[in-house]
Amino acid sequence: MQFSEAEVERYARHLVLREVGGPGQQKLKAARVAIIGAGGLGAPASLYLAAAGVGQITLIDPDVADLSNLQRQVIFRSDEVGTPKVEAAAAKLAALNPHVAVRPLQTALTAANAADLLDGADLVLDGTDDFATRFAVNAACVAHGKTLVSGAIGRWTGQVGVFSGQPCYRCLVPEIPPDAETCSAVGVVGALAGVIGSMMALEAVKVITGAGEPLAGRLLIYDGLAAETRTVKVGADPACPVCGSLAEVRPPQR
């Protein structure tokens, strides 16, 4: 896979990185990434992945931009309120990097259509804010052997995890919490979306290029008020309804 002179200049800071270099940049160009949710987390993640040179980005979101989104979803402008999020975001990504193919899908991901929507993706990023969608994305990723980068935010706290096979997201969250909170109910500081969304993009770049140690089977928790982070291991649940059967053919990740 050859790079044009313009691409060599565009990705120069990656090309001189020992952990990325030419081979890593070629992997980024060949990668196909699906991002579920074009909002607070999907916006910064998609911008950084497009800038990094990911070859194909699929954006999946049924919503239109709302005025209340603009406090944290910095990919949208005031004059785009009422515009489908995926369409507005796709235009920004194409303008940022014309070498990236962007596929906007204005639809909700469900358990019924998840496999079809994620077909062809090498890596999936989930930045949605409801557990039913998170569960559907996770189940499809496990069933079809796709690595999942999951992010979540609320108030001043965010988290990022990488799941590939076992343990999966359902090992972390077995059931929908009865007291599950939403950003609309409890609030969220806008800049936190940029922090966690960027972390998701960073983990995606590491997974694609093979650089460093991704958060595989681990969860990074960021406390914005205290400016502290901690990383915890996610235990594989042998009784997990989604990935439990994998233990019979593959040992848990360590």
Protein backbone atom coordinates (compact mmCIF):
# COMPACT_ATOMS: atom_id res chain seq x y z
CA MET A 1 0.00 0.00 0.00
CA GLN A 2 1.60 3.21 -1.21
CA PHE A 3 1.25 6.69 0.26
CA SER A 4 1.10 9.82 -1.85
CA GLU A 5 3.49 12.68 -1.11
CA ALA A 6 0.64 14.53 0.54
CA GLU A 7 -0.08 11.56 2.81
CA VAL A 8 3.59 11.22 3.76
CA GLU A 9 3.59 14.85 4.85
CA ARG A 10 0.20 14.57 6.57
CA TYR A 11 1.25 11.56 8.65
CA ALA A 12 4.86 12.62 9.19
CA ARG A 13 4.57 12.68 12.99
CA HIS A 14 3.24 9.12 12.94
CA LEU A 15 5.85 7.89 10.50
CA VAL A 16 8.71 8.90 12.79
CA LEU A 17 7.16 7.15 15.79
CA ARG A 18 8.98 3.87 16.38
CA GLU A 19 5.74 2.20 17.50
CA VAL A 20 3.83 3.26 14.36
CA GLY A 21 6.12 4.06 11.43
CA GLY A 22 5.30 3.07 7.88
CA PRO A 23 3.88 -0.39 8.71
CA GLY A 24 1.60 1.00 11.40
CA GLN A 25 0.36 3.80 9.17
CA GLN A 26 -0.42 1.26 6.47
CA LYS A 27 -2.47 -0.71 9.00
CA LEU A 28 -4.38 2.47 9.84
CA LYS A 29 -5.09 3.13 6.17
CA ALA A 30 -6.34 -0.42 5.69
CA ALA A 31 -8.50 -0.38 8.83
CA ARG A 32 -12.29 -0.23 8.82
CA VAL A 33 -13.73 1.21 12.02
CA ALA A 34 -17.37 1.46 13.07
CA ILE A 35 -18.33 4.12 15.61
CA ILE A 36 -21.66 3.71 17.38
CA GLY A 37 -22.90 7.12 18.45
CA ALA A 38 -21.79 10.37 16.84
CA GLY A 39 -22.23 12.39 20.01
CA GLY A 40 -20.06 13.37 22.96
CA LEU A 41 -17.66 10.43 22.68
CA GLY A 42 -18.06 9.54 19.01
CA ALA A 43 -17.33 13.11 17.91
CA PRO A 44 -13.76 13.44 19.28
CA ALA A 45 -13.00 9.78 18.61
CA SER A 46 -14.04 10.08 14.96
CA LEU A 47 -12.09 13.31 14.46
CA TYR A 48 -8.87 11.82 15.81
CA LEU A 49 -9.27 8.56 13.89
CA ALA A 50 -9.92 10.45 10.66
CA ALA A 51 -6.90 12.63 11.33
CA ALA A 52 -4.85 9.50 12.05
CA GLY A 53 -5.64 8.13 8.59
CA VAL A 54 -8.06 5.28 9.33
CA GLY A 55 -9.12 4.15 5.88
CA GLN A 56 -12.85 3.74 6.43
CA ILE A 57 -15.07 5.07 9.22
CA THR A 58 -18.72 4.09 9.57
CA LEU A 59 -20.81 6.39 11.76
CA ILE A 60 -24.03 4.93 13.20
CA ASP A 61 -26.49 7.21 14.99
CA PRO A 62 -30.24 7.82 14.52
CA ASP A 63 -30.37 11.30 16.06
CA VAL A 64 -30.24 14.87 14.84
CA ALA A 65 -28.07 17.52 16.45
CA ASP A 66 -29.81 19.30 19.32
CA LEU A 67 -28.94 22.64 20.90
CA SER A 68 -28.23 20.90 24.22
CA ASN A 69 -25.60 18.74 22.46
CA LEU A 70 -23.34 21.65 21.60
CA GLN A 71 -21.98 21.99 25.15
CA ARG A 72 -19.89 18.84 24.59
CA GLN A 73 -20.39 17.54 21.03
CA VAL A 74 -17.90 19.90 19.46
CA ILE A 75 -18.11 18.43 15.97
CA PHE A 76 -21.42 20.27 15.40
CA ARG A 77 -22.11 23.97 14.80
CA SER A 78 -25.09 26.03 15.93
CA ASP A 79 -26.44 26.25 12.38
CA GLU A 80 -26.49 22.43 12.18
CA VAL A 81 -29.10 21.98 14.92
CA GLY A 82 -31.76 19.71 13.45
CA THR A 83 -29.32 18.11 10.99
CA PRO A 84 -28.72 14.35 11.17
CA LYS A 85 -25.65 13.86 13.33
CA VAL A 86 -24.01 11.34 11.03
CA GLU A 87 -24.38 13.61 8.00
CA ALA A 88 -22.95 16.66 9.75
CA ALA A 89 -20.13 14.64 11.29
CA ALA A 90 -19.29 12.91 8.01
CA ALA A 91 -18.88 16.27 6.30
CA LYS A 92 -16.41 17.38 8.99
CA LEU A 93 -14.36 14.19 8.74
CA ALA A 94 -14.21 14.40 4.94
CA ALA A 95 -13.03 18.01 5.17
CA LEU A 96 -10.43 17.07 7.78
CA ASN A 97 -8.96 14.22 5.77
CA PRO A 98 -10.02 13.53 2.16
CA HIS A 99 -8.09 10.25 2.21
CA VAL A 100 -10.65 8.72 4.59
CA ALA A 101 -13.88 7.12 3.35
CA VAL A 102 -16.77 7.99 5.68
CA ARG A 103 -20.04 6.05 5.66
CA PRO A 104 -22.89 7.74 7.58
CA LEU A 105 -25.76 5.50 8.68
CA GLN A 106 -28.68 7.35 10.27
CA THR A 107 -30.20 4.42 12.08
CA ALA A 108 -30.44 2.97 15.55
CA LEU A 109 -28.36 -0.11 16.29
CA THR A 110 -30.40 -2.91 17.83
CA ALA A 111 -29.89 -6.57 18.65
CA ALA A 112 -31.69 -7.41 15.41
CA ASN A 113 -29.53 -5.35 13.04
CA ALA A 114 -26.20 -5.10 14.90
CA ALA A 115 -24.50 -7.87 12.93
CA ASP A 116 -25.47 -6.32 9.58
CA LEU A 117 -24.47 -2.78 10.59
CA LEU A 118 -21.08 -3.91 11.91
CA ASP A 119 -20.36 -6.27 9.03
CA GLY A 120 -16.98 -5.50 7.50
CA ALA A 121 -15.67 -3.51 10.48
CA ASP A 122 -12.30 -4.53 11.89
CA LEU A 123 -12.81 -2.58 15.11
CA VAL A 124 -15.86 -1.13 16.86
CA LEU A 125 -16.08 1.90 19.14
CA ASP A 126 -19.18 2.27 21.31
CA GLY A 127 -19.87 5.72 22.71
CA THR A 128 -23.61 5.33 23.28
CA ASP A 129 -25.36 6.20 26.51
CA ASP A 130 -27.92 3.41 26.90
CA PHE A 131 -27.30 -0.13 28.06
CA ALA A 132 -29.57 -1.88 25.57
CA THR A 133 -27.43 -0.58 22.70
CA ARG A 134 -24.20 -1.36 24.55
CA PHE A 135 -25.38 -4.94 25.11
CA ALA A 136 -26.34 -5.34 21.44
CA VAL A 137 -22.98 -3.99 20.25
CA ASN A 138 -21.09 -6.24 22.67
CA ALA A 139 -23.01 -9.36 21.67
CA ALA A 140 -22.39 -8.73 17.97
CA CYS A 141 -18.68 -8.11 18.57
CA VAL A 142 -18.28 -11.32 20.56
CA ALA A 143 -20.26 -13.37 18.04
CA HIS A 144 -18.23 -12.13 15.09
CA GLY A 145 -14.80 -11.85 16.70
CA LYS A 146 -14.51 -8.06 16.65
CA THR A 147 -12.60 -6.02 19.22
CA LEU A 148 -14.72 -3.46 21.06
CA VAL A 149 -13.53 -0.15 22.53
CA SER A 150 -16.18 1.01 24.99
CA GLY A 151 -16.48 4.43 26.61
CA ALA A 152 -18.91 6.08 29.00
CA ILE A 153 -19.21 9.39 30.84
CA GLY A 154 -21.41 11.00 33.47
CA ARG A 155 -21.07 14.01 35.73
CA TRP A 156 -17.25 14.32 36.14
CA THR A 157 -16.28 10.68 35.64
CA GLY A 158 -15.52 8.62 32.55
CA GLN A 159 -14.30 5.16 31.70
CA VAL A 160 -12.67 3.35 28.78
CA GLY A 161 -12.23 -0.37 28.24
CA VAL A 162 -11.16 -2.71 25.45
CA PHE A 163 -12.91 -6.06 25.06
CA SER A 164 -11.86 -8.85 22.72
CA GLY A 165 -13.52 -12.19 23.22
CA GLN A 166 -13.45 -12.94 26.93
CA PRO A 167 -13.93 -10.99 29.16
CA CYS A 168 -16.61 -9.01 27.36
CA TYR A 169 -18.63 -5.95 28.32
CA ARG A 170 -21.36 -8.15 29.86
CA CYS A 171 -18.77 -9.57 32.26
CA LEU A 172 -18.39 -5.99 33.52
CA VAL A 173 -22.11 -5.14 33.44
CA PRO A 174 -24.14 -8.39 33.65
CA GLU A 175 -27.54 -6.68 33.72
CA ILE A 176 -28.94 -3.21 33.08
CA PRO A 177 -28.57 -1.37 36.41
CA PRO A 178 -31.99 -0.52 37.88
CA ASP A 179 -30.69 2.93 38.83
CA ALA A 180 -28.89 3.63 35.52
CA GLU A 181 -28.25 7.34 35.06
CA THR A 182 -28.19 9.43 31.90
CA CYS A 183 -26.31 12.62 31.15
CA SER A 184 -29.60 14.44 30.60
CA ALA A 185 -30.64 13.54 34.14
CA VAL A 186 -27.40 13.97 36.10
CA GLY A 187 -25.38 16.25 33.81
CA VAL A 188 -21.87 15.97 32.42
CA VAL A 189 -19.02 18.46 32.12
CA GLY A 190 -18.42 19.10 28.44
CA ALA A 191 -14.65 18.71 28.31
CA LEU A 192 -14.90 15.22 29.82
CA ALA A 193 -16.35 14.00 26.53
CA GLY A 194 -13.20 15.17 24.77
CA VAL A 195 -10.97 13.41 27.30
CA ILE A 196 -12.71 10.04 27.12
CA GLY A 197 -13.44 10.20 23.40
CA SER A 198 -9.77 10.92 22.73
CA MET A 199 -8.76 8.02 24.97
CA MET A 200 -11.03 5.76 22.93
CA ALA A 201 -9.34 6.92 19.73
CA LEU A 202 -5.91 6.35 21.29
CA GLU A 203 -6.84 2.79 22.28
CA ALA A 204 -8.16 2.19 18.76
CA VAL A 205 -4.87 3.37 17.23
CA LYS A 206 -2.96 1.06 19.58
CA VAL A 207 -5.15 -1.92 18.71
CA ILE A 208 -4.86 -1.29 14.96
CA THR A 209 -1.11 -0.68 14.88
CA GLY A 210 -0.13 -3.13 17.61
CA ALA A 211 1.57 -0.37 19.59
CA GLY A 212 1.96 -0.61 23.34
CA GLU A 213 -0.51 -2.35 25.64
CA PRO A 214 -4.18 -1.67 24.91
CA LEU A 215 -6.67 -1.78 27.78
CA ALA A 216 -7.59 -5.36 26.88
CA GLY A 217 -9.64 -6.83 29.70
CA ARG A 218 -9.07 -3.69 31.74
CA LEU A 219 -11.08 -0.60 32.56
CA LEU A 220 -9.52 2.84 32.93
CA ILE A 221 -11.56 5.13 35.19
CA TYR A 222 -10.95 8.88 35.08
CA ASP A 223 -12.12 11.21 37.85
CA GLY A 224 -12.15 14.70 36.40
CA LEU A 225 -12.83 16.45 39.70
CA ALA A 226 -9.87 14.84 41.45
CA ALA A 227 -7.71 14.67 38.30
CA GLU A 228 -7.01 11.02 39.06
CA THR A 229 -7.08 7.81 37.05
CA ARG A 230 -7.09 4.18 38.07
CA THR A 231 -7.13 1.00 36.05
CA VAL A 232 -8.93 -2.14 37.18
CA LYS A 233 -8.93 -5.63 35.72
CA VAL A 234 -12.22 -6.94 34.36
CA GLY A 235 -12.73 -10.52 35.42
CA ALA A 236 -14.02 -13.07 32.93
CA ASP A 237 -17.36 -14.47 34.05
CA PRO A 238 -17.62 -18.17 33.10
CA ALA A 239 -21.40 -17.85 33.43
CA CYS A 240 -21.60 -14.81 31.14
CA PRO A 241 -24.51 -15.32 28.70
CA VAL A 242 -22.51 -13.71 25.89
CA CYS A 243 -18.89 -14.89 26.18
CA GLY A 244 -19.07 -17.65 28.81
CA SER A 245 -18.98 -20.40 26.19
CA LEU A 246 -15.64 -19.08 24.91
CA ALA A 247 -13.95 -20.38 28.05
CA GLU A 248 -14.42 -23.90 26.71
CA VAL A 249 -12.27 -23.20 23.67
CA ARG A 250 -10.04 -20.32 24.74
CA PRO A 251 -8.55 -19.38 28.11
CA PRO A 252 -9.40 -15.96 29.57
CA GLN A 253 -7.09 -13.07 28.72
CA ARG A 254 -4.55 -12.18 31.37
